[in-house]
Each structure stands twice: as C-alpha cells, then as structure tokens.
C-alpha cells in the first residue's frame, strides 16, 4: 500500500510533463520538483541482488562480467546491436541486461528470453507492490555502471518517452554515484536564465520515478552500480504487439 495512491494506482509523475515542450518550460526546482522526481516507496531488493550476484559466482569481477553481451549471448538471452553504438556514444562503459524492450514508437514490444526466469521474483519483490502488470511494461532492464563509467548529458527522445513512466529501483549503489539533472532557471536579479544542476541521491530499494525527458547524466566514481529500470504505461499493451525474442537472437534497434 505504501507504493500506491489511495485509489490503488501506482504513485507517479504526470505524463503531460514529459513532452519536449513541457520539459523545456520547467524553470525552478523548488517550484517544479513535483514534475521532475517522485519518491514512490522503499522495497526490499535483497532477493534480486542475491540472484544477480549468483549469476557470476566463482568468477573474477563477476558483477560486471554477467552484464556483457558475450555472457548473455552464450547463456541464451538476446542482445540489441544498435544499442551497443548508443552506449559507446552516450553511455561509455555501461552495460545492461534487457528483459523487455520497445520500438521507438512503443508500438512493438519485445520480451527477451531471460524475462521468463526473472519474472516470478520480479513480480514478488517489485511489480506486485508497485501494481505494475507485465502487460503495461514497454521497457525493463538491469542497468550496470562499472567503476569509472559515465552517462553523458542527454535527453531521452522518441515517442516512447512521452508514453511511459520511468521508474528506477536502485539495487546496488553507493555514495560515489553522481546522478545529475538540470533545468534553466530565471534569475530575477540578472534577468537571465542560468543552468542549475540537481543531484539525485538514492539508497538500495528507494524506488523513484524520474522525468527522463529532462537532461540528465551520471558519473560513477566508485564500485559498480546496478539499477532495475522500468518504463510502464497507464494503459495495457495489446497482446498482438508483443514479440518473444529467441535465445541467442541478435536484434536491430526497432
């Protein structure tokens, strides 16, 4: 109940503030914070962390190795080749495990092979408490930032962004992660608009929604950091829009 509004719906930011125009009109963090960030609730993520760590037991640097495309490919998940280029340009050094992905328009949804294995635990620990059924998820992934990796300032683009709430569930994190977003604030003294940065700090299990239409960047100065990221819609996805990716499939970005 902690994660839900009084009417039983998931606590969330208003989607109308995720259009490019609306996001560009945000001008003051004190006044507009309710359109930037929303703490939803705290959840026990230990079972997910234990399962992640167990994937690479007995290997050196196991937390990072289990996220590589080579590891996923050999163990039966699918990978998205064009995402590799995006990562090199915008997110150098980062890696991810895709469970659900969408086309740019969010009119095609792809369920990756490892989803079947992870789904029961995800439902028990995350999705049921948040009241987010699978048929409203357009993207879901484990996002890993190894030590020293960077996500450069960028805005998430394309129509899928405006259709979905982006929820972060920190699984493995620490104080040396700098997650930054920015808006241009109007300074009444100078009469000019100046950029102002906001640092988003969170502990493991502190679930929050972030308006990813805003510019944001992340820098990791410590050990590996892992978030579960879920993009969910307010209306169910048609079953005909869902395609199951086969083990070992190499997919182009749809």
Protein backbone atom coordinates (compact mmCIF):
# COMPACT_ATOMS: atom_id res chain seq x y z
CA UNK A 1 0.00 0.00 0.00
CA UNK A 2 2.94 2.34 0.63
CA UNK A 3 3.71 2.39 -3.11
CA UNK A 4 0.15 3.22 -4.16
CA UNK A 5 -2.20 6.16 -4.13
CA UNK A 6 -5.40 5.90 -2.08
CA UNK A 7 -7.27 4.71 -5.20
CA UNK A 8 -4.85 1.80 -5.70
CA UNK A 9 -2.90 3.24 -8.63
CA UNK A 10 0.88 3.50 -8.68
CA UNK A 11 2.31 6.77 -7.39
CA UNK A 12 3.63 8.64 -10.43
CA UNK A 13 4.57 11.91 -12.12
CA UNK A 14 2.10 13.46 -14.60
CA UNK A 15 2.86 12.19 -18.12
CA UNK A 16 1.88 15.52 -19.68
CA UNK A 17 5.12 16.98 -18.26
CA UNK A 18 7.20 14.56 -20.34
CA UNK A 19 6.65 16.24 -23.69
CA UNK A 20 9.70 18.07 -25.02
CA UNK A 21 7.87 21.40 -24.85
CA UNK A 22 6.62 20.89 -21.28
CA UNK A 23 10.01 19.70 -20.05
CA UNK A 24 11.60 22.79 -21.54
CA UNK A 25 9.24 25.03 -19.56
CA UNK A 26 10.39 23.78 -16.17
CA UNK A 27 12.31 26.66 -14.66
CA UNK A 28 12.63 26.30 -10.90
CA UNK A 29 13.48 23.18 -8.90
CA UNK A 30 11.73 24.36 -5.74
CA UNK A 31 8.53 25.06 -7.68
CA UNK A 32 8.74 22.32 -10.31
CA UNK A 33 10.27 19.41 -8.39
CA UNK A 34 6.93 17.58 -8.47
CA UNK A 35 7.36 17.34 -12.25
CA UNK A 36 10.99 16.18 -12.07
CA UNK A 37 11.22 13.48 -9.42
CA UNK A 38 8.90 11.47 -7.21
CA UNK A 39 9.82 9.09 -4.41
CA UNK A 40 7.39 6.17 -4.61
CA UNK A 41 8.28 3.83 -1.75
CA UNK A 42 11.00 1.64 -0.26
CA UNK A 43 11.22 -2.06 -1.17
CA UNK A 44 13.37 -4.98 -0.06
CA UNK A 45 15.59 -5.68 -3.07
CA UNK A 46 17.90 -8.23 -1.40
CA UNK A 47 16.40 -11.23 -3.27
CA UNK A 48 17.11 -9.55 -6.63
CA UNK A 49 20.64 -8.62 -5.60
CA UNK A 50 21.34 -12.17 -4.46
CA UNK A 51 20.14 -13.59 -7.77
CA UNK A 52 22.24 -11.11 -9.75
CA UNK A 53 25.38 -11.89 -7.79
CA UNK A 54 24.76 -15.63 -8.09
CA UNK A 55 24.83 -15.40 -11.90
CA UNK A 56 28.58 -14.90 -11.82
CA UNK A 57 29.64 -16.83 -8.73
CA UNK A 58 33.18 -18.12 -8.87
CA UNK A 59 34.36 -15.62 -11.49
CA UNK A 60 36.66 -12.63 -11.13
CA UNK A 61 34.84 -9.29 -11.26
CA UNK A 62 31.62 -11.32 -11.54
CA UNK A 63 29.14 -8.46 -11.18
CA UNK A 64 30.40 -6.79 -14.36
CA UNK A 65 31.04 -9.99 -16.35
CA UNK A 66 27.46 -11.17 -16.14
CA UNK A 67 26.29 -8.00 -17.93
CA UNK A 68 28.45 -8.38 -21.05
CA UNK A 69 26.78 -9.15 -24.37
CA UNK A 70 29.08 -12.14 -24.76
CA UNK A 71 27.89 -13.63 -21.47
CA UNK A 72 24.23 -13.01 -22.24
CA UNK A 73 24.57 -14.38 -25.76
CA UNK A 74 26.26 -17.56 -24.55
CA UNK A 75 23.70 -18.03 -21.76
CA UNK A 76 20.66 -17.68 -24.00
CA UNK A 77 19.50 -14.08 -23.77
CA UNK A 78 19.09 -11.82 -26.81
CA UNK A 79 21.04 -8.63 -27.45
CA UNK A 80 20.37 -5.40 -29.37
CA UNK A 81 23.28 -4.49 -31.62
CA UNK A 82 22.43 -0.82 -32.26
CA UNK A 83 22.18 -0.22 -28.51
CA UNK A 84 25.90 -1.00 -28.36
CA UNK A 85 26.61 2.06 -30.52
CA UNK A 86 24.30 4.24 -28.40
CA UNK A 87 26.12 3.07 -25.29
CA UNK A 88 29.53 3.84 -26.75
CA UNK A 89 28.46 7.37 -27.67
CA UNK A 90 26.25 8.38 -24.73
CA UNK A 91 26.94 5.77 -22.05
CA UNK A 92 30.58 4.69 -22.42
CA UNK A 93 31.46 1.77 -20.21
CA UNK A 94 27.90 0.94 -19.16
CA UNK A 95 26.20 -2.42 -19.75
CA UNK A 96 22.68 -3.78 -19.37
CA UNK A 97 20.54 -6.90 -19.30
CA UNK A 98 17.43 -6.36 -21.39
CA UNK A 99 14.26 -8.11 -20.26
CA UNK A 100 11.67 -6.05 -22.17
CA UNK A 101 12.31 -3.50 -24.91
CA UNK A 102 10.19 -1.43 -27.28
CA UNK A 103 10.33 0.23 -30.65
CA UNK A 104 10.85 3.99 -30.76
CA UNK A 105 7.09 4.44 -31.15
CA UNK A 106 6.31 1.92 -28.38
CA UNK A 107 4.00 0.14 -30.80
CA UNK A 108 6.12 -3.03 -30.77
CA UNK A 109 7.22 -4.69 -27.54
CA UNK A 110 9.91 -7.37 -27.30
CA UNK A 111 10.17 -9.89 -24.46
CA UNK A 112 13.70 -11.23 -24.09
CA UNK A 113 14.47 -14.84 -23.13
CA UNK A 114 15.74 -14.12 -19.61
CA UNK A 115 12.40 -12.49 -18.70
CA UNK A 116 10.83 -15.92 -18.06
CA UNK A 117 13.44 -16.76 -15.46
CA UNK A 118 13.39 -13.38 -13.72
CA UNK A 119 9.68 -12.64 -13.82
CA UNK A 120 8.44 -14.62 -10.77
CA UNK A 121 10.97 -12.91 -8.48
CA UNK A 122 10.37 -9.51 -10.07
CA UNK A 123 6.64 -9.88 -9.52
CA UNK A 124 7.06 -10.84 -5.87
CA UNK A 125 9.54 -8.12 -4.98
CA UNK A 126 8.79 -5.21 -7.32
CA UNK A 127 5.90 -5.41 -9.77
CA UNK A 128 3.13 -6.53 -7.42
CA UNK A 129 3.95 -3.96 -4.69
CA UNK A 130 4.06 -1.26 -7.39
CA UNK A 131 0.89 -2.59 -9.07
CA UNK A 132 2.63 -2.69 -12.47
CA UNK A 133 1.49 -5.72 -14.52
CA UNK A 134 3.71 -7.03 -17.30
CA UNK A 135 1.17 -6.01 -19.94
CA UNK A 136 1.86 -2.35 -19.12
CA UNK A 137 5.67 -2.54 -19.30
CA UNK A 138 7.30 -1.34 -22.52
CA UNK A 139 10.91 -1.49 -21.27
CA UNK A 140 12.60 -3.20 -18.35
CA UNK A 141 16.31 -3.77 -17.81
CA UNK A 142 19.08 -4.16 -15.27
CA UNK A 143 21.42 -1.22 -15.92
CA UNK A 144 25.02 -1.58 -14.75
CA UNK A 145 27.57 1.20 -14.34
CA UNK A 146 31.04 -0.27 -13.67
CA UNK A 147 33.59 1.80 -11.80
CA UNK A 148 34.66 4.85 -13.81
CA UNK A 149 31.81 4.65 -16.32
CA UNK A 150 29.82 7.68 -17.48
CA UNK A 151 26.42 8.56 -18.89
CA UNK A 152 26.85 11.86 -20.71
CA UNK A 153 24.21 14.60 -20.52
CA UNK A 154 21.33 13.73 -22.83
CA UNK A 155 17.53 13.83 -23.12
CA UNK A 156 15.66 10.59 -23.75
CA UNK A 157 13.89 11.11 -27.08
CA UNK A 158 11.30 9.46 -29.37
CA UNK A 159 7.57 8.95 -28.70
CA UNK A 160 8.02 6.09 -26.20
CA UNK A 161 9.34 8.59 -23.65
CA UNK A 162 6.10 10.58 -23.54
CA UNK A 163 4.00 7.43 -23.18
CA UNK A 164 5.72 5.88 -20.19
CA UNK A 165 6.65 6.49 -16.57
CA UNK A 166 10.34 5.75 -15.92
CA UNK A 167 10.89 4.09 -12.55
CA UNK A 168 14.32 3.47 -11.02
CA UNK A 169 14.87 0.80 -8.39
CA UNK A 170 18.45 1.02 -7.07
CA UNK A 171 19.74 -2.48 -6.33
CA UNK A 172 23.46 -1.97 -5.76
CA UNK A 173 24.60 1.60 -5.14
CA UNK A 174 26.87 3.85 -3.04
CA UNK A 175 27.61 7.49 -2.23
CA UNK A 176 30.10 7.97 -5.08
CA UNK A 177 27.39 7.93 -7.77
CA UNK A 178 26.52 11.36 -9.16
CA UNK A 179 23.13 11.29 -10.93
CA UNK A 180 22.51 14.83 -12.18
CA UNK A 181 19.66 16.57 -13.95
CA UNK A 182 19.39 20.22 -14.97
CA UNK A 183 16.91 22.97 -15.77
CA UNK A 184 17.38 26.58 -16.82
CA UNK A 185 16.22 28.85 -14.03
CA UNK A 186 15.30 32.51 -14.42
CA UNK A 187 17.39 34.76 -12.22
CA UNK A 188 15.31 37.82 -11.27
CA UNK A 189 18.43 39.77 -10.28
CA UNK A 190 20.24 39.36 -13.59
CA UNK A 191 17.22 38.86 -15.84
CA UNK A 192 18.93 35.85 -17.38
CA UNK A 193 18.27 32.13 -17.48
CA UNK A 194 21.02 30.08 -15.90
CA UNK A 195 21.55 26.32 -15.76
CA UNK A 196 21.10 24.72 -12.36
CA UNK A 197 22.03 21.14 -11.53
CA UNK A 198 20.18 18.82 -9.16
CA UNK A 199 21.87 15.73 -7.76
CA UNK A 200 19.59 12.74 -7.24
CA UNK A 201 20.76 10.54 -4.38
CA UNK A 202 19.17 7.21 -3.52
CA UNK A 203 19.86 4.11 -1.45
CA UNK A 204 19.18 0.49 -2.39
CA UNK A 205 15.44 -0.16 -2.50
CA UNK A 206 14.39 3.52 -2.64
CA UNK A 207 12.02 3.45 -5.61
CA UNK A 208 11.57 6.69 -7.53
CA UNK A 209 10.27 8.00 -10.84
CA UNK A 210 12.40 10.41 -12.85
CA UNK A 211 11.28 12.62 -15.73
CA UNK A 212 13.73 11.32 -18.33
CA UNK A 213 12.62 13.94 -20.87
CA UNK A 214 14.89 16.27 -18.90
CA UNK A 215 18.63 16.43 -19.49
CA UNK A 216 20.46 14.02 -17.21
CA UNK A 217 23.88 12.50 -16.68
CA UNK A 218 25.54 10.00 -14.34
CA UNK A 219 29.14 9.51 -13.26
CA UNK A 220 30.36 6.60 -11.18
CA UNK A 221 33.45 7.25 -9.05
CA UNK A 222 33.12 4.03 -7.02
CA UNK A 223 32.32 0.36 -7.42
CA UNK A 224 29.69 -1.00 -9.82
CA UNK A 225 26.17 0.37 -9.54
CA UNK A 226 23.07 -1.55 -10.69
CA UNK A 227 19.52 -0.21 -11.11
CA UNK A 228 16.41 -2.01 -12.27
CA UNK A 229 14.71 0.42 -14.68
CA UNK A 230 11.06 0.02 -15.67
CA UNK A 231 9.13 2.06 -18.25
CA UNK A 232 5.41 1.47 -17.82
CA UNK A 233 2.27 2.81 -19.48
CA UNK A 234 -1.09 3.70 -17.98
CA UNK A 235 -3.00 1.53 -20.46
CA UNK A 236 -2.46 -2.17 -21.23
CA UNK A 237 -0.40 -3.26 -24.22
CA UNK A 238 -2.21 -5.24 -26.91
CA UNK A 239 -1.09 -8.88 -26.90
CA UNK A 240 -0.60 -8.69 -30.68
CA UNK A 241 2.08 -6.01 -30.17
CA UNK A 242 4.34 -8.36 -28.16
CA UNK A 243 7.05 -10.46 -29.80
CA UNK A 244 9.15 -13.06 -27.99
CA UNK A 245 12.84 -12.85 -28.74
CA UNK A 246 14.52 -16.26 -29.16
CA UNK A 247 17.62 -17.29 -27.19
CA UNK A 248 20.74 -16.04 -28.95
CA UNK A 249 18.87 -13.60 -31.21
CA UNK A 250 20.82 -10.51 -32.25
CA UNK A 251 18.30 -7.71 -32.73
CA UNK A 252 18.47 -4.35 -34.50
CA UNK A 253 17.03 -1.36 -32.64
CA UNK A 254 13.38 -1.35 -33.82
